[in-house]
Amino acid sequence: MSDGETVRIRPGRKLDADQNPVATTGSEFDIEDCVIEPIGSEESKGYGRSGTVTRIRIYTPGPVARPILATDVVEARGKAWTIEGFPDDWADEDADLSGPVITAARGIG
């Protein structure tokens, strides 16, 4: 794990029932002093192609600028990651260490 990394949260792309892009709302914001934990990767051979899916978990300190949505994108370590589901809440005795925990993935191939 590494301490003190900055990640950026930005609105992602939503699709309507016909799989057409829909305008998203929300603003970009940075979260400083995050801890990023590599979760691992796995090979995916579905849909007639092969590739690798890599996952990370991001522990964010304290409250954040706005709620983080499952449709948002997180930029960490110079790459864009898709948020998986909704963030969990991490509770610590020190309120400055409590905050959302984000699980994110990115695929290659």
Protein backbone atom coordinates (compact mmCIF):
# COMPACT_ATOMS: atom_id res chain seq x y z
CA MET A 1 0.00 0.00 0.00
CA SER A 2 1.09 3.57 -0.53
CA ASP A 3 0.18 6.65 1.47
CA GLY A 4 -0.47 10.18 0.45
CA GLU A 5 -1.66 9.78 -3.12
CA THR A 6 -4.07 12.19 -4.79
CA VAL A 7 -6.96 10.84 -6.82
CA ARG A 8 -9.47 12.71 -8.96
CA ILE A 9 -13.18 11.89 -9.10
CA ARG A 10 -15.03 12.98 -12.23
CA PRO A 11 -18.50 12.31 -13.59
CA GLY A 12 -18.56 9.23 -15.77
CA ARG A 13 -20.76 8.17 -18.63
CA LYS A 14 -24.31 6.98 -18.05
CA LEU A 15 -26.38 5.09 -20.58
CA ASP A 16 -30.15 5.16 -21.03
CA ALA A 17 -32.34 2.11 -21.66
CA ASP A 18 -31.34 2.12 -25.34
CA GLN A 19 -27.62 2.26 -24.44
CA ASN A 20 -27.29 5.88 -25.61
CA PRO A 21 -25.02 8.22 -23.62
CA VAL A 22 -26.81 10.56 -21.22
CA ALA A 23 -25.37 13.80 -19.86
CA THR A 24 -24.00 13.38 -16.35
CA THR A 25 -24.02 15.85 -13.51
CA GLY A 26 -21.54 16.65 -10.81
CA SER A 27 -18.17 18.29 -10.69
CA GLU A 28 -14.61 16.99 -10.71
CA PHE A 29 -12.72 17.11 -7.45
CA ASP A 30 -9.46 15.84 -5.99
CA ILE A 31 -9.01 13.82 -2.83
CA GLU A 32 -5.57 14.05 -1.24
CA ASP A 33 -3.77 11.69 1.14
CA CYS A 34 -5.47 8.53 -0.12
CA VAL A 35 -4.16 5.03 0.45
CA ILE A 36 -4.30 2.83 -2.66
CA GLU A 37 -4.29 -0.94 -2.21
CA PRO A 38 -3.75 -3.18 -5.25
CA ILE A 39 -6.32 -5.98 -5.07
CA GLY A 40 -4.99 -8.03 -7.96
CA SER A 41 -5.87 -8.93 -11.50
CA GLU A 42 -7.53 -11.72 -13.39
CA GLU A 43 -7.72 -12.85 -16.97
CA SER A 44 -11.04 -12.47 -18.72
CA LYS A 45 -11.83 -14.63 -21.74
CA GLY A 46 -15.50 -13.81 -22.15
CA TYR A 47 -17.18 -12.61 -25.31
CA GLY A 48 -14.62 -14.22 -27.64
CA ARG A 49 -11.66 -12.08 -26.58
CA SER A 50 -9.03 -12.17 -23.89
CA GLY A 51 -7.85 -9.47 -21.57
CA THR A 52 -6.89 -8.60 -18.02
CA VAL A 53 -8.96 -6.84 -15.38
CA THR A 54 -6.99 -5.11 -12.60
CA ARG A 55 -8.59 -3.86 -9.38
CA ILE A 56 -7.60 -1.39 -6.68
CA ARG A 57 -9.17 -0.22 -3.43
CA ILE A 58 -8.85 3.44 -2.47
CA TYR A 59 -9.19 4.57 1.15
CA THR A 60 -10.08 8.26 1.26
CA PRO A 61 -9.61 10.37 4.41
CA GLY A 62 -12.35 12.48 5.91
CA PRO A 63 -15.45 13.78 4.19
CA VAL A 64 -15.37 14.37 0.43
CA ALA A 65 -16.71 17.26 -1.68
CA ARG A 66 -19.80 15.38 -2.91
CA PRO A 67 -21.17 11.84 -2.84
CA ILE A 68 -19.19 9.44 -5.02
CA LEU A 69 -21.46 7.64 -7.49
CA ALA A 70 -21.11 4.24 -9.16
CA THR A 71 -21.18 6.08 -12.51
CA ASP A 72 -18.18 8.27 -11.59
CA VAL A 73 -14.66 7.62 -12.85
CA VAL A 74 -11.63 7.75 -10.56
CA GLU A 75 -8.23 8.80 -11.90
CA ALA A 76 -5.42 7.24 -9.90
CA ARG A 77 -1.77 6.70 -10.72
CA GLY A 78 -2.23 8.29 -14.14
CA LYS A 79 -5.01 5.94 -15.26
CA ALA A 80 -8.80 6.07 -15.39
CA TRP A 81 -10.60 3.42 -13.32
CA THR A 82 -14.28 2.43 -13.33
CA ILE A 83 -15.88 2.47 -9.89
CA GLU A 84 -17.48 -0.86 -9.02
CA GLY A 85 -20.75 -0.39 -7.17
CA PHE A 86 -21.18 2.26 -4.52
CA PRO A 87 -18.36 3.20 -2.13
CA ASP A 88 -18.36 1.70 1.35
CA ASP A 89 -18.02 3.89 4.43
CA TRP A 90 -14.91 3.43 6.53
CA ALA A 91 -15.40 4.47 10.16
CA ASP A 92 -12.40 5.16 12.38
CA GLU A 93 -12.10 6.58 15.89
CA ASP A 94 -10.28 9.50 14.28
CA ALA A 95 -12.86 11.30 12.13
CA ASP A 96 -10.10 12.56 9.81
CA LEU A 97 -9.36 8.95 8.84
CA SER A 98 -12.99 8.02 8.19
CA GLY A 99 -14.32 8.28 4.66
CA PRO A 100 -15.48 6.45 1.55
CA VAL A 101 -13.67 3.31 0.40
CA ILE A 102 -13.74 2.94 -3.39
CA THR A 103 -13.22 -0.31 -5.29
CA ALA A 104 -12.30 0.32 -8.92
CA ALA A 105 -11.24 -1.69 -11.96
CA ARG A 106 -9.73 -1.20 -15.37
CA GLY A 107 -9.53 -3.61 -18.24
CA ILE A 108 -6.84 -4.12 -20.83
CA GLY A 109 -7.43 -6.14 -23.97
